[in-house]
């Protein structure tokens, strides 16, 4: 399965404010977090949806495995975090 690619600008529009979609990215993979009660209105504590949260995760009280709860729906185009061999099996941590 090949996931569609989105630019950072397209991701930014999925912030729960500009559109109903609430997406975040981690290591170049975009996740739909809209069903999470913790992301209501596009904000989770001090973090806003619509962006890549890779660097912010260092300060989080949880690990990257939190993204296993969400569906990977896309990839960030030209992400510095993604490798060229990122296949469907690499979307789960």
C-alpha atoms as a PDB file:
ATOM      1  CA  UNK A   1       0.000   0.000   0.000  1.00  0.00           C
ATOM      2  CA  UNK A   2       1.384   3.364  -1.002  1.00  0.00           C
ATOM      3  CA  UNK A   3       0.381   6.340   1.082  1.00  0.00           C
ATOM      4  CA  UNK A   4      -0.213   9.716  -0.569  1.00  0.00           C
ATOM      5  CA  UNK A   5       2.305  12.490  -0.054  1.00  0.00           C
ATOM      6  CA  UNK A   6       1.419  15.897   1.348  1.00  0.00           C
ATOM      7  CA  UNK A   7       3.487  19.055   1.655  1.00  0.00           C
ATOM      8  CA  UNK A   8       4.036  20.711   5.025  1.00  0.00           C
ATOM      9  CA  UNK A   9       1.685  23.454   3.831  1.00  0.00           C
ATOM     10  CA  UNK A  10      -1.060  20.889   3.178  1.00  0.00           C
ATOM     11  CA  UNK A  11      -0.426  19.315   6.591  1.00  0.00           C
ATOM     12  CA  UNK A  12      -0.687  22.745   8.230  1.00  0.00           C
ATOM     13  CA  UNK A  13      -4.265  23.108   6.961  1.00  0.00           C
ATOM     14  CA  UNK A  14      -5.301  19.953   8.851  1.00  0.00           C
ATOM     15  CA  UNK A  15      -5.001  21.648  12.227  1.00  0.00           C
ATOM     16  CA  UNK A  16      -8.596  21.318  13.420  1.00  0.00           C
ATOM     17  CA  UNK A  17      -9.156  25.038  12.864  1.00  0.00           C
ATOM     18  CA  UNK A  18      -8.928  25.652   9.111  1.00  0.00           C
ATOM     19  CA  UNK A  19     -10.535  22.295   8.311  1.00  0.00           C
ATOM     20  CA  UNK A  20     -12.197  19.564  10.338  1.00  0.00           C
ATOM     21  CA  UNK A  21      -9.260  17.195   9.774  1.00  0.00           C
ATOM     22  CA  UNK A  22      -6.764  16.886  12.623  1.00  0.00           C
ATOM     23  CA  UNK A  23      -3.452  15.485  11.440  1.00  0.00           C
ATOM     24  CA  UNK A  24       0.042  15.379  12.912  1.00  0.00           C
ATOM     25  CA  UNK A  25       3.266  13.990  11.552  1.00  0.00           C
ATOM     26  CA  UNK A  26       6.056  12.063  13.218  1.00  0.00           C
ATOM     27  CA  UNK A  27       9.261  11.218  11.370  1.00  0.00           C
ATOM     28  CA  UNK A  28       7.629  12.092   8.063  1.00  0.00           C
ATOM     29  CA  UNK A  29       4.543   9.910   8.506  1.00  0.00           C
ATOM     30  CA  UNK A  30       1.180  11.681   8.831  1.00  0.00           C
ATOM     31  CA  UNK A  31      -1.357  10.357  11.334  1.00  0.00           C
ATOM     32  CA  UNK A  32      -5.062  11.140  11.670  1.00  0.00           C
ATOM     33  CA  UNK A  33      -5.633  12.020  15.349  1.00  0.00           C
ATOM     34  CA  UNK A  34      -9.145  13.411  14.914  1.00  0.00           C
ATOM     35  CA  UNK A  35     -10.791  10.617  16.938  1.00  0.00           C
ATOM     36  CA  UNK A  36      -8.591  11.242  19.970  1.00  0.00           C
ATOM     37  CA  UNK A  37     -10.251  13.208  22.752  1.00  0.00           C
ATOM     38  CA  UNK A  38      -6.782  14.554  23.577  1.00  0.00           C
ATOM     39  CA  UNK A  39      -6.619  16.422  20.258  1.00  0.00           C
ATOM     40  CA  UNK A  40      -9.957  18.259  20.436  1.00  0.00           C
ATOM     41  CA  UNK A  41      -9.929  21.511  18.484  1.00  0.00           C
ATOM     42  CA  UNK A  42      -6.504  20.592  17.138  1.00  0.00           C
ATOM     43  CA  UNK A  43      -4.541  21.164  20.330  1.00  0.00           C
ATOM     44  CA  UNK A  44      -2.904  18.646  22.662  1.00  0.00           C
ATOM     45  CA  UNK A  45      -1.504  20.383  25.724  1.00  0.00           C
ATOM     46  CA  UNK A  46       0.931  22.933  24.245  1.00  0.00           C
ATOM     47  CA  UNK A  47       1.131  21.331  20.791  1.00  0.00           C
ATOM     48  CA  UNK A  48      -0.933  22.204  17.749  1.00  0.00           C
ATOM     49  CA  UNK A  49      -2.014  19.785  15.050  1.00  0.00           C
ATOM     50  CA  UNK A  50      -1.023  20.373  11.459  1.00  0.00           C
ATOM     51  CA  UNK A  51       2.703  20.038  12.015  1.00  0.00           C
ATOM     52  CA  UNK A  52       5.514  17.526  12.341  1.00  0.00           C
ATOM     53  CA  UNK A  53       5.961  16.794  16.047  1.00  0.00           C
ATOM     54  CA  UNK A  54       9.168  14.772  15.780  1.00  0.00           C
ATOM     55  CA  UNK A  55      11.313  17.244  17.721  1.00  0.00           C
ATOM     56  CA  UNK A  56       8.601  17.985  20.297  1.00  0.00           C
ATOM     57  CA  UNK A  57       8.288  14.316  21.252  1.00  0.00           C
ATOM     58  CA  UNK A  58      11.567  14.542  23.174  1.00  0.00           C
ATOM     59  CA  UNK A  59       9.761  16.550  25.867  1.00  0.00           C
ATOM     60  CA  UNK A  60       6.592  14.422  25.927  1.00  0.00           C
ATOM     61  CA  UNK A  61       5.722  12.135  28.849  1.00  0.00           C
ATOM     62  CA  UNK A  62       5.112   9.282  26.382  1.00  0.00           C
ATOM     63  CA  UNK A  63       7.130   7.543  23.690  1.00  0.00           C
ATOM     64  CA  UNK A  64       6.675   7.409  19.931  1.00  0.00           C
ATOM     65  CA  UNK A  65       4.608   4.261  20.388  1.00  0.00           C
ATOM     66  CA  UNK A  66       1.633   6.544  21.019  1.00  0.00           C
ATOM     67  CA  UNK A  67       1.369   6.841  17.223  1.00  0.00           C
ATOM     68  CA  UNK A  68       0.554   3.121  16.977  1.00  0.00           C
ATOM     69  CA  UNK A  69      -2.946   4.082  18.161  1.00  0.00           C
ATOM     70  CA  UNK A  70      -3.557   6.148  15.038  1.00  0.00           C
ATOM     71  CA  UNK A  71      -3.894   5.414  11.356  1.00  0.00           C
ATOM     72  CA  UNK A  72      -1.019   6.439   9.100  1.00  0.00           C
ATOM     73  CA  UNK A  73      -2.746   8.283   6.275  1.00  0.00           C
ATOM     74  CA  UNK A  74       0.088   9.925   4.384  1.00  0.00           C
ATOM     75  CA  UNK A  75       3.703  10.924   4.124  1.00  0.00           C
ATOM     76  CA  UNK A  76       5.315  14.341   4.350  1.00  0.00           C
ATOM     77  CA  UNK A  77       6.742  15.144   0.944  1.00  0.00           C
ATOM     78  CA  UNK A  78      10.531  15.590   1.010  1.00  0.00           C
ATOM     79  CA  UNK A  79      10.701  14.957   4.755  1.00  0.00           C
ATOM     80  CA  UNK A  80      14.198  14.874   6.203  1.00  0.00           C
ATOM     81  CA  UNK A  81      13.033  12.109   8.545  1.00  0.00           C
ATOM     82  CA  UNK A  82      11.940   9.605   5.907  1.00  0.00           C
ATOM     83  CA  UNK A  83      14.241   7.208   4.148  1.00  0.00           C
ATOM     84  CA  UNK A  84      13.751   6.209   0.532  1.00  0.00           C
ATOM     85  CA  UNK A  85      13.014   2.609   1.536  1.00  0.00           C
ATOM     86  CA  UNK A  86      10.110   3.484   3.832  1.00  0.00           C
ATOM     87  CA  UNK A  87       7.522   0.898   2.919  1.00  0.00           C
ATOM     88  CA  UNK A  88       4.124   0.138   4.429  1.00  0.00           C
ATOM     89  CA  UNK A  89       5.659  -2.026   7.140  1.00  0.00           C
ATOM     90  CA  UNK A  90       7.626   0.978   8.390  1.00  0.00           C
ATOM     91  CA  UNK A  91       4.547   3.011   9.299  1.00  0.00           C
ATOM     92  CA  UNK A  92       4.157   1.171  12.595  1.00  0.00           C
ATOM     93  CA  UNK A  93       6.785   1.725  15.261  1.00  0.00           C
END
